[in-house]
N, C-alpha and C. Protein backbone atom coordinates (compact mmCIF):
# COMPACT_ATOMS: atom_id res chain seq x y z
N MET A 1 78.13 105.31 129.29
CA MET A 1 78.12 104.10 128.51
C MET A 1 79.28 104.28 127.41
N THR A 2 80.29 103.34 127.38
CA THR A 2 81.22 103.77 126.28
C THR A 2 80.76 103.31 125.01
N GLN A 3 81.36 104.09 123.90
CA GLN A 3 81.08 103.61 122.50
C GLN A 3 82.32 103.23 121.77
N GLU A 4 82.06 102.42 120.78
CA GLU A 4 83.41 102.08 119.85
C GLU A 4 83.59 103.02 118.99
N HIS A 5 84.88 103.28 118.71
CA HIS A 5 85.36 104.20 117.74
C HIS A 5 86.46 103.60 116.90
N ILE A 6 86.14 103.39 115.56
CA ILE A 6 87.05 102.72 114.73
C ILE A 6 88.11 103.58 114.35
N VAL A 7 89.37 103.24 114.43
CA VAL A 7 90.59 103.88 113.98
C VAL A 7 91.40 103.27 112.77
N TYR A 8 91.71 104.03 111.89
CA TYR A 8 92.55 103.58 110.76
C TYR A 8 93.99 103.95 110.91
N PHE A 9 95.09 102.92 110.43
CA PHE A 9 96.34 103.28 110.62
C PHE A 9 96.84 102.93 109.32
N ASN A 10 97.91 103.60 108.88
CA ASN A 10 98.93 103.19 107.93
C ASN A 10 100.21 102.72 108.54
N VAL A 11 100.64 101.54 108.22
CA VAL A 11 101.73 100.99 108.72
C VAL A 11 102.78 100.97 107.60
N TYR A 12 103.89 101.96 107.87
CA TYR A 12 105.01 101.98 106.89
C TYR A 12 106.22 100.96 107.23
N HIS A 13 106.50 99.86 106.48
CA HIS A 13 107.46 98.97 106.85
C HIS A 13 108.24 98.70 105.68
N GLN A 14 109.54 99.10 105.71
CA GLN A 14 110.41 99.39 104.47
C GLN A 14 109.71 100.07 103.33
N LYS A 15 109.37 99.35 102.30
CA LYS A 15 108.67 100.04 101.06
C LYS A 15 107.27 99.62 101.01
N GLN A 16 106.66 99.00 102.06
CA GLN A 16 105.27 98.49 102.07
C GLN A 16 104.49 99.47 102.86
N VAL A 17 103.34 99.52 102.55
CA VAL A 17 102.33 100.30 103.29
C VAL A 17 101.08 99.38 103.44
N THR A 18 100.68 99.25 104.71
CA THR A 18 99.60 98.41 104.89
C THR A 18 98.53 99.23 105.80
N ARG A 19 97.24 99.11 105.48
CA ARG A 19 96.21 99.70 106.13
C ARG A 19 95.77 98.96 107.11
N LEU A 20 95.76 99.30 108.36
CA LEU A 20 95.14 98.56 109.55
C LEU A 20 93.83 99.12 110.22
N ARG A 21 93.19 98.68 110.95
CA ARG A 21 92.13 99.31 111.81
C ARG A 21 92.11 98.84 113.19
N GLY A 22 91.55 99.59 114.22
CA GLY A 22 91.65 99.03 115.57
C GLY A 22 90.36 99.92 116.32
N LEU A 23 90.00 99.46 117.39
CA LEU A 23 89.04 100.02 118.14
C LEU A 23 89.57 100.73 119.27
N ILE A 24 88.89 101.93 119.65
CA ILE A 24 88.90 102.47 120.87
C ILE A 24 87.72 102.77 121.40
N TYR A 25 87.59 102.60 122.80
CA TYR A 25 86.30 102.65 123.52
C TYR A 25 86.36 104.05 124.25
N LEU A 26 85.23 105.00 123.85
CA LEU A 26 85.41 106.28 124.43
C LEU A 26 83.90 106.60 124.99
N GLU A 27 83.96 107.51 125.95
CA GLU A 27 82.70 107.96 126.40
C GLU A 27 81.98 108.99 125.15
N PRO A 28 80.67 108.99 125.27
CA PRO A 28 80.01 109.84 124.37
C PRO A 28 80.52 111.40 124.36
N GLY A 29 80.91 111.88 123.20
CA GLY A 29 81.34 113.13 123.03
C GLY A 29 82.84 113.26 123.24
N GLN A 30 83.47 112.40 123.67
CA GLN A 30 84.91 112.43 123.82
C GLN A 30 85.74 112.10 122.73
N THR A 31 86.67 112.77 122.46
CA THR A 31 87.67 112.52 121.30
C THR A 31 88.81 111.89 121.69
N PRO A 32 89.50 110.91 120.69
CA PRO A 32 90.51 110.18 121.17
C PRO A 32 91.53 110.88 121.33
N THR A 33 92.65 110.51 122.37
CA THR A 33 93.80 111.12 122.51
C THR A 33 95.04 110.38 121.96
N ALA A 34 96.12 110.89 122.10
CA ALA A 34 97.49 110.20 121.65
C ALA A 34 97.55 108.88 122.70
N ALA A 35 97.25 109.10 123.89
CA ALA A 35 97.42 107.85 124.77
C ALA A 35 96.42 106.62 124.32
N ASP A 36 95.24 107.15 123.87
CA ASP A 36 94.23 106.31 123.58
C ASP A 36 94.75 105.43 122.23
N TYR A 37 95.26 106.27 121.19
CA TYR A 37 95.74 105.61 119.99
C TYR A 37 96.93 104.72 120.50
N GLU A 38 97.97 105.08 121.30
CA GLU A 38 98.98 104.32 121.80
C GLU A 38 98.58 103.02 122.34
N GLN A 39 97.57 103.01 123.37
CA GLN A 39 97.08 102.00 123.93
C GLN A 39 96.41 100.97 122.94
N CYS A 40 95.80 101.54 121.97
CA CYS A 40 95.21 100.66 120.96
C CYS A 40 96.18 99.89 120.24
N LEU A 41 97.39 100.62 119.78
CA LEU A 41 98.43 100.02 119.01
C LEU A 41 99.23 98.95 120.01
N ARG A 42 99.26 99.36 121.17
CA ARG A 42 100.06 98.28 122.08
C ARG A 42 99.11 97.06 122.30
N MET A 43 97.85 97.17 122.25
CA MET A 43 96.94 96.13 122.58
C MET A 43 97.01 95.15 121.26
N ALA A 44 97.27 95.74 120.06
CA ALA A 44 97.49 95.04 118.75
C ALA A 44 98.86 94.53 118.58
N GLY A 45 99.65 94.56 119.73
CA GLY A 45 100.91 94.01 119.57
C GLY A 45 102.06 94.83 119.08
N HIS A 46 101.86 96.03 118.82
CA HIS A 46 102.95 97.08 118.43
C HIS A 46 103.56 97.67 119.66
N HIS A 47 104.83 97.78 119.78
CA HIS A 47 105.56 98.25 120.70
C HIS A 47 105.91 99.63 120.14
N VAL A 48 105.33 100.78 120.55
CA VAL A 48 105.62 102.00 119.69
C VAL A 48 105.57 103.23 120.73
N ARG A 49 106.23 104.21 120.33
CA ARG A 49 106.14 105.47 121.02
C ARG A 49 105.73 106.60 120.05
N LEU A 50 105.16 107.76 120.59
CA LEU A 50 104.77 108.87 119.80
C LEU A 50 105.99 109.66 119.22
N GLU A 51 106.11 109.69 117.86
CA GLU A 51 107.15 110.47 117.25
C GLU A 51 106.77 111.86 117.01
N ASP A 52 105.63 111.98 116.49
CA ASP A 52 105.20 113.45 116.00
C ASP A 52 103.80 113.71 116.44
N PRO A 53 103.58 114.29 117.58
CA PRO A 53 102.31 114.66 118.22
C PRO A 53 101.15 115.29 117.26
N GLN A 54 101.73 116.23 116.43
CA GLN A 54 100.79 117.03 115.64
C GLN A 54 100.35 116.23 114.35
N ARG A 55 101.27 115.25 113.95
CA ARG A 55 100.54 114.46 112.82
C ARG A 55 100.26 112.87 113.40
N MET A 56 100.37 112.64 114.58
CA MET A 56 100.07 111.27 115.18
C MET A 56 100.84 110.14 114.57
N ILE A 57 102.04 110.26 114.46
CA ILE A 57 102.89 109.24 113.89
C ILE A 57 103.67 108.66 115.06
N PHE A 58 103.63 107.30 115.02
CA PHE A 58 104.25 106.47 115.97
C PHE A 58 105.47 105.71 115.40
N LYS A 59 106.38 105.42 116.15
CA LYS A 59 107.51 104.62 115.64
C LYS A 59 107.80 103.51 116.65
N ALA A 60 108.06 102.21 116.16
CA ALA A 60 108.48 101.18 116.77
C ALA A 60 109.76 101.42 117.68
N VAL A 61 109.61 100.85 118.88
CA VAL A 61 110.77 100.95 119.85
C VAL A 61 111.37 99.52 120.12
N LYS A 62 110.83 98.33 119.64
CA LYS A 62 111.48 97.18 119.84
C LYS A 62 112.57 97.08 119.17
N ALA A 63 113.68 96.42 119.65
CA ALA A 63 115.10 96.32 118.98
C ALA A 63 114.79 95.57 117.70
N GLY A 64 115.34 95.86 116.54
CA GLY A 64 115.36 95.17 115.32
C GLY A 64 114.16 95.45 114.47
N GLU A 65 113.30 96.23 114.92
CA GLU A 65 111.91 96.52 114.24
C GLU A 65 112.24 97.93 113.62
N GLU A 66 111.98 98.20 112.43
CA GLU A 66 111.94 99.50 111.70
C GLU A 66 110.68 99.73 111.03
N TYR A 67 109.69 100.39 111.67
CA TYR A 67 108.51 100.69 110.94
C TYR A 67 107.83 101.88 111.63
N THR A 68 107.08 102.73 110.99
CA THR A 68 106.28 103.85 111.51
C THR A 68 104.71 103.50 111.31
N ILE A 69 103.97 104.07 112.07
CA ILE A 69 102.59 104.03 111.96
C ILE A 69 101.99 105.28 111.99
N ASP A 70 101.09 105.71 111.15
CA ASP A 70 100.46 106.90 110.86
C ASP A 70 98.90 107.01 111.06
N VAL A 71 98.45 107.42 112.11
CA VAL A 71 96.98 107.52 112.34
C VAL A 71 96.15 108.30 111.33
N LEU A 72 95.21 107.80 110.76
CA LEU A 72 94.40 108.41 109.71
C LEU A 72 93.14 108.96 110.52
N GLU A 73 93.41 110.12 111.01
CA GLU A 73 92.29 110.70 111.91
C GLU A 73 90.95 110.93 111.05
N ASP A 74 91.14 111.51 109.68
CA ASP A 74 89.86 111.80 109.07
C ASP A 74 89.59 110.94 108.00
N TYR A 75 90.15 109.64 107.97
CA TYR A 75 89.87 108.49 106.98
C TYR A 75 88.35 108.08 107.26
N GLU A 76 87.67 108.01 105.96
CA GLU A 76 86.30 107.43 105.75
C GLU A 76 86.36 106.15 105.20
N ALA A 77 85.90 105.15 105.85
CA ALA A 77 85.94 103.85 105.25
C ALA A 77 84.86 103.67 104.38
N PRO A 78 84.85 102.73 103.40
CA PRO A 78 83.80 102.68 102.44
C PRO A 78 82.51 102.46 103.07
N THR A 79 81.48 102.92 102.42
CA THR A 79 80.23 102.78 102.95
C THR A 79 79.32 101.65 102.41
N ARG A 80 79.90 100.82 101.57
CA ARG A 80 79.30 99.76 100.96
C ARG A 80 78.78 98.73 102.19
N ASP A 81 77.55 98.21 102.10
CA ASP A 81 77.16 97.28 103.22
C ASP A 81 77.14 96.03 102.39
N ALA A 82 77.93 94.97 102.73
CA ALA A 82 77.84 93.77 102.01
C ALA A 82 76.67 93.03 102.36
N HIS A 83 76.20 93.16 103.63
CA HIS A 83 74.95 92.45 104.11
C HIS A 83 73.70 92.81 103.15
N ALA A 84 73.56 94.22 103.03
CA ALA A 84 72.36 94.62 102.33
C ALA A 84 72.63 94.27 100.73
N GLU A 85 73.74 94.26 100.24
CA GLU A 85 73.88 93.94 98.82
C GLU A 85 73.62 92.46 98.60
N LYS A 86 73.94 91.54 99.59
CA LYS A 86 73.65 90.12 99.53
C LYS A 86 72.09 89.98 99.80
N LEU A 87 71.58 90.66 100.53
CA LEU A 87 70.10 90.62 100.59
C LEU A 87 69.31 91.02 99.44
N ALA A 88 69.83 92.17 98.82
CA ALA A 88 69.17 92.60 97.56
C ALA A 88 69.46 91.65 96.53
N GLY A 89 70.53 90.94 96.41
CA GLY A 89 70.72 90.00 95.33
C GLY A 89 69.70 88.89 95.43
N THR A 90 69.13 88.41 96.57
CA THR A 90 68.24 87.40 96.65
C THR A 90 66.89 87.78 96.00
N PHE A 91 66.65 89.11 95.76
CA PHE A 91 65.41 89.56 95.22
C PHE A 91 65.50 89.64 93.71
N ARG A 92 66.61 89.57 93.15
CA ARG A 92 66.90 89.57 91.73
C ARG A 92 66.31 88.37 91.00
N LYS A 93 65.86 88.36 89.79
CA LYS A 93 65.68 87.15 89.06
C LYS A 93 66.97 86.77 88.56
N PRO A 94 67.20 85.35 88.57
CA PRO A 94 68.33 84.72 88.03
C PRO A 94 68.40 84.91 86.45
N ASP A 95 69.54 85.08 86.00
CA ASP A 95 69.64 85.25 84.46
C ASP A 95 69.34 83.83 83.76
N PRO A 96 68.48 83.93 82.86
CA PRO A 96 68.24 82.56 82.13
C PRO A 96 69.47 82.03 81.38
N PHE A 97 69.72 80.62 81.48
CA PHE A 97 70.68 80.01 80.61
C PHE A 97 70.19 80.11 79.25
N LEU A 98 71.30 80.42 78.30
CA LEU A 98 70.79 80.21 76.76
C LEU A 98 71.49 79.04 76.38
């Protein structure tokens, strides 16, 4: 049974940096490969090739596009749970109006 693996990317386009995320479906215990990352990026509409295999940096190959994508392999997403915070807010007493 496959499991979802969330992957985070930094896209460097001119002087802007944008953080994106994608999904890779892996078998339990399997680690993502460069081909998995490339397929994830292609499914998101990025036509890229692997530029630096050690650092997992991809470069756009479509004519007229100049950007690079860096895979953040050890990135930890924020652990805040918006749903739990919303639920906890329903148990608080409202502030009295003065």
